């Protein structure tokens, strides 16, 4: 999913990625290793404003 080009992303996909990001961050502890890497990838994936995405 994180490899989807911008033109194939939609609001639902981005929202789902943001929920995963929140879950990785939600335990209150600092993310390390694979969790930190995944959070960074999700942040880059969701950096495009949703107004640009297909709904």
PDB file of N, CA and C in Angstrom:
ATOM      1  N   UNK A   1       0.822  -1.181   0.000  1.00  0.00           N
ATOM      2  CA  UNK A   1       0.000   0.000   0.000  1.00  0.00           C
ATOM      3  C   UNK A   1       0.872   1.252   0.000  1.00  0.00           C
ATOM      4  N   UNK A   2       1.942   1.252   0.753  1.00  0.00           N
ATOM      5  CA  UNK A   2       2.768   2.449   0.868  1.00  0.00           C
ATOM      6  C   UNK A   2       3.503   2.781  -0.430  1.00  0.00           C
ATOM      7  N   UNK A   3       3.500   1.867  -1.389  1.00  0.00           N
ATOM      8  CA  UNK A   3       4.135   2.106  -2.680  1.00  0.00           C
ATOM      9  C   UNK A   3       3.172   2.670  -3.717  1.00  0.00           C
ATOM     10  N   UNK A   4       1.903   2.852  -3.349  1.00  0.00           N
ATOM     11  CA  UNK A   4       0.937   3.380  -4.310  1.00  0.00           C
ATOM     12  C   UNK A   4       1.334   4.780  -4.761  1.00  0.00           C
ATOM     13  N   UNK A   5       1.279   5.027  -6.075  1.00  0.00           N
ATOM     14  CA  UNK A   5       1.535   6.399  -6.524  1.00  0.00           C
ATOM     15  C   UNK A   5       0.407   7.317  -6.062  1.00  0.00           C
ATOM     16  N   UNK A   6       0.703   8.586  -5.969  1.00  0.00           N
ATOM     17  CA  UNK A   6      -0.269   9.553  -5.441  1.00  0.00           C
ATOM     18  C   UNK A   6      -1.609   9.460  -6.155  1.00  0.00           C
ATOM     19  N   UNK A   7      -1.593   9.291  -7.475  1.00  0.00           N
ATOM     20  CA  UNK A   7      -2.855   9.268  -8.216  1.00  0.00           C
ATOM     21  C   UNK A   7      -3.715   8.044  -7.914  1.00  0.00           C
ATOM     22  N   UNK A   8      -3.179   7.038  -7.260  1.00  0.00           N
ATOM     23  CA  UNK A   8      -3.964   5.858  -6.895  1.00  0.00           C
ATOM     24  C   UNK A   8      -4.388   5.858  -5.428  1.00  0.00           C
ATOM     25  N   UNK A   9      -3.974   6.843  -4.698  1.00  0.00           N
ATOM     26  CA  UNK A   9      -4.362   6.938  -3.283  1.00  0.00           C
ATOM     27  C   UNK A   9      -5.717   7.618  -3.198  1.00  0.00           C
ATOM     28  N   UNK A  10      -6.499   7.192  -2.242  1.00  0.00           N
ATOM     29  CA  UNK A  10      -7.773   7.870  -2.010  1.00  0.00           C
ATOM     30  C   UNK A  10      -7.911   8.151  -0.516  1.00  0.00           C
ATOM     31  N   UNK A  11      -8.955   8.864  -0.186  1.00  0.00           N
ATOM     32  CA  UNK A  11      -9.165   9.280   1.195  1.00  0.00           C
ATOM     33  C   UNK A  11      -9.219   8.083   2.141  1.00  0.00           C
ATOM     34  N   UNK A  12      -9.880   7.004   1.732  1.00  0.00           N
ATOM     35  CA  UNK A  12     -10.005   5.822   2.589  1.00  0.00           C
ATOM     36  C   UNK A  12      -8.672   5.165   2.878  1.00  0.00           C
ATOM     37  N   UNK A  13      -7.826   5.056   1.862  1.00  0.00           N
ATOM     38  CA  UNK A  13      -6.507   4.443   2.045  1.00  0.00           C
ATOM     39  C   UNK A  13      -5.653   5.293   2.979  1.00  0.00           C
ATOM     40  N   UNK A  14      -5.659   6.591   2.760  1.00  0.00           N
ATOM     41  CA  UNK A  14      -4.868   7.487   3.605  1.00  0.00           C
ATOM     42  C   UNK A  14      -5.392   7.463   5.039  1.00  0.00           C
ATOM     43  N   UNK A  15      -6.709   7.441   5.208  1.00  0.00           N
ATOM     44  CA  UNK A  15      -7.292   7.388   6.553  1.00  0.00           C
ATOM     45  C   UNK A  15      -6.891   6.108   7.277  1.00  0.00           C
ATOM     46  N   UNK A  16      -6.892   4.993   6.565  1.00  0.00           N
ATOM     47  CA  UNK A  16      -6.486   3.726   7.170  1.00  0.00           C
ATOM     48  C   UNK A  16      -5.023   3.772   7.592  1.00  0.00           C
ATOM     49  N   UNK A  17      -4.180   4.337   6.746  1.00  0.00           N
ATOM     50  CA  UNK A  17      -2.759   4.457   7.088  1.00  0.00           C
ATOM     51  C   UNK A  17      -2.579   5.338   8.321  1.00  0.00           C
ATOM     52  N   UNK A  18      -3.367   6.397   8.421  1.00  0.00           N
ATOM     53  CA  UNK A  18      -3.273   7.281   9.585  1.00  0.00           C
ATOM     54  C   UNK A  18      -3.709   6.574  10.863  1.00  0.00           C
ATOM     55  N   UNK A  19      -4.681   5.671  10.764  1.00  0.00           N
ATOM     56  CA  UNK A  19      -5.098   4.902  11.949  1.00  0.00           C
ATOM     57  C   UNK A  19      -3.988   3.967  12.411  1.00  0.00           C
ATOM     58  N   UNK A  20      -3.291   3.344  11.464  1.00  0.00           N
ATOM     59  CA  UNK A  20      -2.163   2.483  11.824  1.00  0.00           C
ATOM     60  C   UNK A  20      -1.066   3.326  12.492  1.00  0.00           C
ATOM     61  N   UNK A  21      -0.805   4.499  11.922  1.00  0.00           N
ATOM     62  CA  UNK A  21       0.192   5.406  12.495  1.00  0.00           C
ATOM     63  C   UNK A  21      -0.183   5.759  13.933  1.00  0.00           C
ATOM     64  N   UNK A  22      -1.449   6.083  14.155  1.00  0.00           N
ATOM     65  CA  UNK A  22      -1.907   6.444  15.497  1.00  0.00           C
ATOM     66  C   UNK A  22      -1.769   5.266  16.458  1.00  0.00           C
ATOM     67  N   UNK A  23      -2.064   4.066  15.985  1.00  0.00           N
ATOM     68  CA  UNK A  23      -1.938   2.885  16.842  1.00  0.00           C
ATOM     69  C   UNK A  23      -0.483   2.635  17.219  1.00  0.00           C
ATOM     70  N   UNK A  24       0.429   2.863  16.297  1.00  0.00           N
ATOM     71  CA  UNK A  24       1.854   2.688  16.598  1.00  0.00           C
ATOM     72  C   UNK A  24       2.342   3.733  17.584  1.00  0.00           C
ATOM     73  N   UNK A  25       1.707   4.874  17.579  1.00  0.00           N
ATOM     74  CA  UNK A  25       2.111   5.979  18.448  1.00  0.00           C
ATOM     75  C   UNK A  25       1.325   5.969  19.754  1.00  0.00           C
ATOM     76  N   UNK A  26       0.187   5.300  19.767  1.00  0.00           N
ATOM     77  CA  UNK A  26      -0.756   5.397  20.866  1.00  0.00           C
ATOM     78  C   UNK A  26      -0.352   4.799  22.187  1.00  0.00           C
ATOM     79  N   UNK A  27       0.643   3.940  22.211  1.00  0.00           N
ATOM     80  CA  UNK A  27       0.991   3.317  23.487  1.00  0.00           C
ATOM     81  C   UNK A  27       1.806   4.231  24.388  1.00  0.00           C
ATOM     82  N   UNK A  28       2.171   5.413  23.882  1.00  0.00           N
ATOM     83  CA  UNK A  28       2.875   6.383  24.709  1.00  0.00           C
ATOM     84  C   UNK A  28       4.363   6.167  24.805  1.00  0.00           C
ATOM     85  N   UNK A  29       4.838   5.048  24.326  1.00  0.00           N
ATOM     86  CA  UNK A  29       6.277   4.791  24.348  1.00  0.00           C
ATOM     87  C   UNK A  29       6.899   5.238  23.036  1.00  0.00           C
ATOM     88  N   UNK A  30       8.152   5.502  23.079  1.00  0.00           N
ATOM     89  CA  UNK A  30       8.869   5.898  21.876  1.00  0.00           C
ATOM     90  C   UNK A  30       9.017   4.688  20.964  1.00  0.00           C
ATOM     91  N   UNK A  31       8.675   4.837  19.713  1.00  0.00           N
ATOM     92  CA  UNK A  31       8.804   3.744  18.756  1.00  0.00           C
ATOM     93  C   UNK A  31      10.264   3.557  18.371  1.00  0.00           C
ATOM     94  N   UNK A  32      10.681   2.304  18.283  1.00  0.00           N
ATOM     95  CA  UNK A  32      12.040   1.978  17.867  1.00  0.00           C
ATOM     96  C   UNK A  32      11.983   0.872  16.824  1.00  0.00           C
ATOM     97  N   UNK A  33      13.057   0.712  16.091  1.00  0.00           N
ATOM     98  CA  UNK A  33      13.169  -0.371  15.131  1.00  0.00           C
ATOM     99  C   UNK A  33      12.145  -0.302  14.030  1.00  0.00           C
ATOM    100  N   UNK A  34      11.527  -1.454  13.754  1.00  0.00           N
ATOM    101  CA  UNK A  34      10.577  -1.566  12.649  1.00  0.00           C
ATOM    102  C   UNK A  34       9.369  -0.650  12.837  1.00  0.00           C
ATOM    103  N   UNK A  35       8.913  -0.480  14.063  1.00  0.00           N
ATOM    104  CA  UNK A  35       7.755   0.393  14.313  1.00  0.00           C
ATOM    105  C   UNK A  35       8.086   1.836  13.956  1.00  0.00           C
ATOM    106  N   UNK A  36       9.265   2.285  14.310  1.00  0.00           N
ATOM    107  CA  UNK A  36       9.675   3.655  13.986  1.00  0.00           C
ATOM    108  C   UNK A  36       9.811   3.832  12.482  1.00  0.00           C
ATOM    109  N   UNK A  37      10.380   2.833  11.817  1.00  0.00           N
ATOM    110  CA  UNK A  37      10.524   2.892  10.368  1.00  0.00           C
ATOM    111  C   UNK A  37       9.162   2.961   9.681  1.00  0.00           C
ATOM    112  N   UNK A  38       8.228   2.142  10.149  1.00  0.00           N
ATOM    113  CA  UNK A  38       6.892   2.138   9.567  1.00  0.00           C
ATOM    114  C   UNK A  38       6.190   3.471   9.800  1.00  0.00           C
ATOM    115  N   UNK A  39       6.333   4.019  10.979  1.00  0.00           N
ATOM    116  CA  UNK A  39       5.730   5.336  11.248  1.00  0.00           C
ATOM    117  C   UNK A  39       6.281   6.388  10.304  1.00  0.00           C
ATOM    118  N   UNK A  40       7.578   6.379  10.060  1.00  0.00           N
ATOM    119  CA  UNK A  40       8.179   7.349   9.143  1.00  0.00           C
ATOM    120  C   UNK A  40       7.659   7.164   7.720  1.00  0.00           C
ATOM    121  N   UNK A  41       7.519   5.920   7.283  1.00  0.00           N
ATOM    122  CA  UNK A  41       6.992   5.648   5.944  1.00  0.00           C
ATOM    123  C   UNK A  41       5.553   6.129   5.821  1.00  0.00           C
ATOM    124  N   UNK A  42       4.755   5.903   6.854  1.00  0.00           N
ATOM    125  CA  UNK A  42       3.359   6.351   6.836  1.00  0.00           C
ATOM    126  C   UNK A  42       3.300   7.871   6.819  1.00  0.00           C
ATOM    127  N   UNK A  43       4.157   8.528   7.560  1.00  0.00           N
ATOM    128  CA  UNK A  43       4.184   9.994   7.563  1.00  0.00           C
ATOM    129  C   UNK A  43       4.488  10.531   6.160  1.00  0.00           C
ATOM    130  N   UNK A  44       5.432   9.906   5.468  1.00  0.00           N
ATOM    131  CA  UNK A  44       5.760  10.327   4.107  1.00  0.00           C
ATOM    132  C   UNK A  44       4.586  10.042   3.166  1.00  0.00           C
ATOM    133  N   UNK A  45       3.942   8.886   3.341  1.00  0.00           N
ATOM    134  CA  UNK A  45       2.818   8.482   2.495  1.00  0.00           C
ATOM    135  C   UNK A  45       1.642   9.444   2.654  1.00  0.00           C
ATOM    136  N   UNK A  46       1.399   9.895   3.870  1.00  0.00           N
ATOM    137  CA  UNK A  46       0.236  10.748   4.134  1.00  0.00           C
ATOM    138  C   UNK A  46       0.558  12.239   4.050  1.00  0.00           C
ATOM    139  N   UNK A  47       1.766  12.590   3.622  1.00  0.00           N
ATOM    140  CA  UNK A  47       2.163  13.996   3.547  1.00  0.00           C
ATOM    141  C   UNK A  47       1.404  14.769   2.466  1.00  0.00           C
ATOM    142  N   UNK A  48       0.897  14.070   1.453  1.00  0.00           N
ATOM    143  CA  UNK A  48       0.125  14.733   0.396  1.00  0.00           C
ATOM    144  C   UNK A  48      -1.233  15.126   0.940  1.00  0.00           C
ATOM    145  N   UNK A  49      -1.630  16.373   0.793  1.00  0.00           N
ATOM    146  CA  UNK A  49      -2.950  16.795   1.300  1.00  0.00           C
ATOM    147  C   UNK A  49      -4.069  15.956   0.675  1.00  0.00           C
ATOM    148  N   UNK A  50      -5.032  15.578   1.478  1.00  0.00           N
ATOM    149  CA  UNK A  50      -6.129  14.745   0.982  1.00  0.00           C
ATOM    150  C   UNK A  50      -6.972  15.456  -0.051  1.00  0.00           C
ATOM    151  N   UNK A  51      -6.907  16.777  -0.125  1.00  0.00           N
ATOM    152  CA  UNK A  51      -7.666  17.504  -1.136  1.00  0.00           C
ATOM    153  C   UNK A  51      -7.147  17.212  -2.540  1.00  0.00           C
ATOM    154  N   UNK A  52      -5.911  16.727  -2.648  1.00  0.00           N
ATOM    155  CA  UNK A  52      -5.320  16.400  -3.932  1.00  0.00           C
ATOM    156  C   UNK A  52      -5.707  14.980  -4.354  1.00  0.00           C
ATOM    157  N   UNK A  53      -6.111  14.162  -3.405  1.00  0.00           N
ATOM    158  CA  UNK A  53      -6.373  12.744  -3.660  1.00  0.00           C
ATOM    159  C   UNK A  53      -7.750  12.517  -4.263  1.00  0.00           C
ATOM    160  N   UNK A  54      -7.885  11.375  -4.918  1.00  0.00           N
ATOM    161  CA  UNK A  54      -9.173  10.960  -5.479  1.00  0.00           C
ATOM    162  C   UNK A  54     -10.078  10.521  -4.339  1.00  0.00           C
ATOM    163  N   UNK A  55     -11.302  10.956  -4.362  1.00  0.00           N
ATOM    164  CA  UNK A  55     -12.251  10.534  -3.321  1.00  0.00           C
ATOM    165  C   UNK A  55     -13.165   9.485  -3.863  1.00  0.00           C
TER     166      UNK A  55
END
